[in-house]
Amino acid sequence: MKLEIETPQHLIDVNGLGLDKIGPTDAGGLRIGAMVTNTALASDPRVRRDYGVLSRAIVAGASGQLRNKATTAGNLLQRTRCSYFYDPNMACQ
């Protein structure tokens, strides 16, 4: 959208949907919301205790500044590194 390759007619604000939470599942796992930041996920006591590899991978994968903004669902405005993305005449694969 920054480069006007995608120009949607409508955008939906999902901030009020509660997708920024980490909670237990009935099966004993964790449900991680799409808008949970990587910092919140890596520092959650349950993740650190039960999913230590995940916590360590998140911390090793990016700086604190990126972890504070990045979410588990990603960033819709992120510039992709795929060269075909920048050419609106190419089919997105």
N, C-alpha and C. Protein backbone atom coordinates (compact mmCIF):
# COMPACT_ATOMS: atom_id res chain seq x y z
N MET A 1 0.83 -1.18 0.00
CA MET A 1 0.00 0.00 0.00
C MET A 1 0.87 1.25 0.00
N LYS A 2 2.04 1.18 0.62
CA LYS A 2 2.93 2.34 0.63
C LYS A 2 3.34 2.72 -0.78
N LEU A 3 3.53 1.72 -1.61
CA LEU A 3 3.97 1.97 -2.98
C LEU A 3 2.81 2.00 -3.96
N GLU A 4 1.59 1.97 -3.43
CA GLU A 4 0.35 1.98 -4.21
C GLU A 4 0.24 0.81 -5.18
N ILE A 5 0.88 -0.31 -4.81
CA ILE A 5 0.71 -1.53 -5.59
C ILE A 5 -0.62 -2.16 -5.22
N GLU A 6 -0.99 -2.06 -3.95
CA GLU A 6 -2.30 -2.47 -3.47
C GLU A 6 -3.05 -1.22 -3.04
N THR A 7 -4.27 -1.05 -3.55
CA THR A 7 -5.09 0.10 -3.17
C THR A 7 -6.49 -0.37 -2.83
N PRO A 8 -6.66 -0.97 -1.67
CA PRO A 8 -7.98 -1.49 -1.29
C PRO A 8 -9.00 -0.37 -1.12
N GLN A 9 -10.24 -0.70 -1.42
CA GLN A 9 -11.31 0.29 -1.24
C GLN A 9 -11.64 0.48 0.23
N HIS A 10 -11.44 -0.56 1.03
CA HIS A 10 -11.79 -0.49 2.45
C HIS A 10 -10.67 -1.11 3.28
N LEU A 11 -10.47 -0.58 4.46
CA LEU A 11 -9.59 -1.15 5.46
C LEU A 11 -10.41 -1.38 6.71
N ILE A 12 -10.12 -2.45 7.40
CA ILE A 12 -10.86 -2.77 8.62
C ILE A 12 -9.91 -2.69 9.80
N ASP A 13 -10.29 -1.93 10.80
CA ASP A 13 -9.50 -1.81 12.02
C ASP A 13 -9.80 -3.00 12.92
N VAL A 14 -8.81 -3.84 13.14
CA VAL A 14 -9.01 -5.04 13.96
C VAL A 14 -8.45 -4.87 15.37
N ASN A 15 -8.06 -3.65 15.73
CA ASN A 15 -7.46 -3.42 17.04
C ASN A 15 -8.39 -3.75 18.21
N GLY A 16 -9.68 -3.65 18.03
CA GLY A 16 -10.61 -3.90 19.13
C GLY A 16 -11.07 -5.34 19.24
N LEU A 17 -10.49 -6.25 18.49
CA LEU A 17 -10.95 -7.64 18.49
C LEU A 17 -10.31 -8.53 19.55
N GLY A 18 -9.42 -7.97 20.35
CA GLY A 18 -8.78 -8.78 21.40
C GLY A 18 -7.75 -9.76 20.87
N LEU A 19 -7.16 -9.45 19.73
CA LEU A 19 -6.17 -10.36 19.13
C LEU A 19 -4.77 -10.13 19.69
N ASP A 20 -4.67 -9.34 20.74
CA ASP A 20 -3.38 -9.04 21.34
C ASP A 20 -3.17 -9.77 22.66
N LYS A 21 -3.81 -10.92 22.78
CA LYS A 21 -3.78 -11.67 24.04
C LYS A 21 -3.18 -13.06 23.84
N ILE A 22 -2.60 -13.57 24.92
CA ILE A 22 -2.11 -14.94 24.98
C ILE A 22 -2.92 -15.63 26.05
N GLY A 23 -3.55 -16.73 25.73
CA GLY A 23 -4.39 -17.41 26.71
C GLY A 23 -4.30 -18.92 26.59
N PRO A 24 -4.70 -19.62 27.65
CA PRO A 24 -4.64 -21.08 27.63
C PRO A 24 -5.75 -21.68 26.76
N THR A 25 -5.47 -22.84 26.21
CA THR A 25 -6.49 -23.60 25.48
C THR A 25 -6.99 -24.73 26.37
N ASP A 26 -8.11 -25.31 26.01
CA ASP A 26 -8.65 -26.44 26.78
C ASP A 26 -7.73 -27.65 26.73
N ALA A 27 -6.92 -27.75 25.67
CA ALA A 27 -6.03 -28.90 25.51
C ALA A 27 -4.70 -28.71 26.23
N GLY A 28 -4.53 -27.58 26.92
CA GLY A 28 -3.31 -27.35 27.67
C GLY A 28 -2.25 -26.56 26.94
N GLY A 29 -2.54 -26.10 25.74
CA GLY A 29 -1.60 -25.28 24.99
C GLY A 29 -1.87 -23.81 25.19
N LEU A 30 -1.38 -23.02 24.28
CA LEU A 30 -1.60 -21.57 24.33
C LEU A 30 -2.22 -21.10 23.03
N ARG A 31 -3.16 -20.20 23.14
CA ARG A 31 -3.71 -19.51 21.97
C ARG A 31 -3.03 -18.15 21.92
N ILE A 32 -2.33 -17.91 20.82
CA ILE A 32 -1.56 -16.67 20.66
C ILE A 32 -2.27 -15.81 19.64
N GLY A 33 -2.72 -14.65 20.05
CA GLY A 33 -3.43 -13.75 19.17
C GLY A 33 -2.53 -13.20 18.08
N ALA A 34 -3.12 -12.89 16.95
CA ALA A 34 -2.38 -12.42 15.78
C ALA A 34 -1.67 -11.10 16.03
N MET A 35 -2.14 -10.32 16.98
CA MET A 35 -1.55 -9.00 17.22
C MET A 35 -0.65 -8.97 18.47
N VAL A 36 -0.31 -10.14 18.99
CA VAL A 36 0.63 -10.20 20.10
C VAL A 36 2.01 -9.83 19.57
N THR A 37 2.65 -8.88 20.22
CA THR A 37 3.98 -8.50 19.76
C THR A 37 4.97 -9.61 20.07
N ASN A 38 6.05 -9.63 19.30
CA ASN A 38 7.08 -10.63 19.54
C ASN A 38 7.71 -10.45 20.92
N THR A 39 7.81 -9.21 21.39
CA THR A 39 8.34 -8.97 22.72
C THR A 39 7.43 -9.59 23.78
N ALA A 40 6.13 -9.37 23.66
CA ALA A 40 5.18 -9.93 24.63
C ALA A 40 5.20 -11.45 24.59
N LEU A 41 5.31 -12.01 23.40
CA LEU A 41 5.31 -13.47 23.27
C LEU A 41 6.59 -14.05 23.88
N ALA A 42 7.73 -13.49 23.56
CA ALA A 42 9.00 -14.03 24.07
C ALA A 42 9.13 -13.88 25.58
N SER A 43 8.50 -12.86 26.14
CA SER A 43 8.65 -12.62 27.58
C SER A 43 7.52 -13.19 28.43
N ASP A 44 6.50 -13.76 27.79
CA ASP A 44 5.40 -14.34 28.54
C ASP A 44 5.92 -15.51 29.39
N PRO A 45 5.60 -15.54 30.68
CA PRO A 45 6.13 -16.60 31.56
C PRO A 45 5.76 -18.01 31.09
N ARG A 46 4.57 -18.18 30.55
CA ARG A 46 4.16 -19.52 30.08
C ARG A 46 4.97 -19.94 28.86
N VAL A 47 5.23 -18.99 27.98
CA VAL A 47 6.02 -19.30 26.79
C VAL A 47 7.45 -19.62 27.20
N ARG A 48 8.01 -18.82 28.09
CA ARG A 48 9.39 -19.05 28.55
C ARG A 48 9.51 -20.40 29.24
N ARG A 49 8.50 -20.78 30.02
CA ARG A 49 8.55 -22.03 30.76
C ARG A 49 8.30 -23.24 29.87
N ASP A 50 7.25 -23.18 29.05
CA ASP A 50 6.81 -24.36 28.30
C ASP A 50 7.29 -24.41 26.85
N TYR A 51 7.67 -23.25 26.32
CA TYR A 51 8.09 -23.17 24.91
C TYR A 51 9.36 -22.34 24.82
N GLY A 52 10.36 -22.74 25.58
CA GLY A 52 11.60 -21.99 25.67
C GLY A 52 12.30 -21.78 24.34
N VAL A 53 12.23 -22.78 23.47
CA VAL A 53 12.87 -22.64 22.16
C VAL A 53 12.21 -21.51 21.38
N LEU A 54 10.91 -21.40 21.44
CA LEU A 54 10.20 -20.33 20.75
C LEU A 54 10.64 -18.98 21.30
N SER A 55 10.69 -18.86 22.60
CA SER A 55 11.10 -17.60 23.22
C SER A 55 12.51 -17.22 22.80
N ARG A 56 13.43 -18.17 22.84
CA ARG A 56 14.81 -17.89 22.46
C ARG A 56 14.94 -17.56 20.97
N ALA A 57 14.17 -18.22 20.14
CA ALA A 57 14.22 -17.96 18.70
C ALA A 57 13.75 -16.55 18.38
N ILE A 58 12.70 -16.12 19.04
CA ILE A 58 12.19 -14.75 18.81
C ILE A 58 13.24 -13.73 19.21
N VAL A 59 13.85 -13.92 20.37
CA VAL A 59 14.86 -12.98 20.85
C VAL A 59 16.07 -12.98 19.92
N ALA A 60 16.46 -14.14 19.41
CA ALA A 60 17.62 -14.24 18.53
C ALA A 60 17.34 -13.70 17.13
N GLY A 61 16.07 -13.63 16.76
CA GLY A 61 15.71 -13.31 15.39
C GLY A 61 15.61 -11.83 15.05
N ALA A 62 15.58 -10.97 16.04
CA ALA A 62 15.39 -9.54 15.73
C ALA A 62 15.82 -8.69 16.92
N SER A 63 16.07 -7.43 16.63
CA SER A 63 16.43 -6.49 17.70
C SER A 63 15.21 -6.19 18.56
N GLY A 64 15.45 -5.60 19.71
CA GLY A 64 14.36 -5.22 20.59
C GLY A 64 13.38 -4.26 19.93
N GLN A 65 13.88 -3.34 19.14
CA GLN A 65 13.00 -2.39 18.46
C GLN A 65 12.05 -3.11 17.52
N LEU A 66 12.56 -4.07 16.77
CA LEU A 66 11.69 -4.83 15.86
C LEU A 66 10.72 -5.70 16.62
N ARG A 67 11.19 -6.37 17.67
CA ARG A 67 10.30 -7.23 18.46
C ARG A 67 9.17 -6.44 19.10
N ASN A 68 9.43 -5.18 19.45
CA ASN A 68 8.39 -4.35 20.08
C ASN A 68 7.26 -4.02 19.11
N LYS A 69 7.54 -3.99 17.83
CA LYS A 69 6.52 -3.65 16.82
C LYS A 69 5.99 -4.87 16.07
N ALA A 70 6.85 -5.85 15.84
CA ALA A 70 6.44 -7.02 15.05
C ALA A 70 5.43 -7.85 15.82
N THR A 71 4.47 -8.40 15.10
CA THR A 71 3.46 -9.26 15.72
C THR A 71 3.52 -10.65 15.12
N THR A 72 2.81 -11.58 15.74
CA THR A 72 2.81 -12.95 15.24
C THR A 72 2.17 -13.04 13.87
N ALA A 73 1.28 -12.13 13.54
CA ALA A 73 0.61 -12.17 12.23
C ALA A 73 1.38 -11.43 11.16
N GLY A 74 2.35 -10.64 11.54
CA GLY A 74 3.12 -9.91 10.54
C GLY A 74 2.62 -8.49 10.38
N ASN A 75 3.05 -7.88 9.32
CA ASN A 75 2.76 -6.48 9.09
C ASN A 75 2.26 -6.31 7.66
N LEU A 76 1.04 -5.88 7.51
CA LEU A 76 0.46 -5.73 6.18
C LEU A 76 1.14 -4.66 5.36
N LEU A 77 1.84 -3.75 5.99
CA LEU A 77 2.53 -2.69 5.26
C LEU A 77 4.02 -2.99 5.08
N GLN A 78 4.44 -4.17 5.48
CA GLN A 78 5.85 -4.52 5.36
C GLN A 78 6.26 -4.60 3.89
N ARG A 79 7.39 -4.04 3.59
CA ARG A 79 7.92 -4.16 2.23
C ARG A 79 8.51 -5.54 2.06
N THR A 80 8.01 -6.25 1.12
CA THR A 80 8.52 -7.59 0.88
C THR A 80 9.86 -7.51 0.14
N ARG A 81 10.63 -8.53 0.26
CA ARG A 81 11.93 -8.57 -0.40
C ARG A 81 11.85 -9.27 -1.76
N CYS A 82 10.68 -9.71 -2.16
CA CYS A 82 10.52 -10.39 -3.45
C CYS A 82 10.43 -9.35 -4.56
N SER A 83 11.29 -9.49 -5.54
CA SER A 83 11.34 -8.48 -6.60
C SER A 83 10.04 -8.41 -7.40
N TYR A 84 9.33 -9.53 -7.57
CA TYR A 84 8.10 -9.50 -8.35
C TYR A 84 7.00 -8.68 -7.68
N PHE A 85 7.11 -8.47 -6.38
CA PHE A 85 6.09 -7.71 -5.67
C PHE A 85 6.03 -6.27 -6.16
N TYR A 86 7.16 -5.71 -6.53
CA TYR A 86 7.22 -4.31 -6.93
C TYR A 86 6.70 -4.06 -8.34
N ASP A 87 6.49 -5.11 -9.11
CA ASP A 87 6.00 -4.95 -10.47
C ASP A 87 4.53 -5.31 -10.52
N PRO A 88 3.62 -4.34 -10.61
CA PRO A 88 2.18 -4.63 -10.59
C PRO A 88 1.72 -5.46 -11.78
N ASN A 89 2.55 -5.60 -12.81
CA ASN A 89 2.18 -6.41 -13.98
C ASN A 89 2.49 -7.89 -13.78
N MET A 90 3.20 -8.23 -12.73
CA MET A 90 3.55 -9.63 -12.44
C MET A 90 2.51 -10.21 -11.49
N ALA A 91 2.17 -11.47 -11.71
CA ALA A 91 1.25 -12.16 -10.81
C ALA A 91 1.96 -12.45 -9.49
N CYS A 92 1.30 -12.19 -8.40
CA CYS A 92 1.87 -12.48 -7.08
C CYS A 92 1.79 -13.97 -6.83
N GLN A 93 2.90 -14.58 -6.43
CA GLN A 93 2.94 -16.03 -6.24
C GLN A 93 3.11 -16.37 -4.79
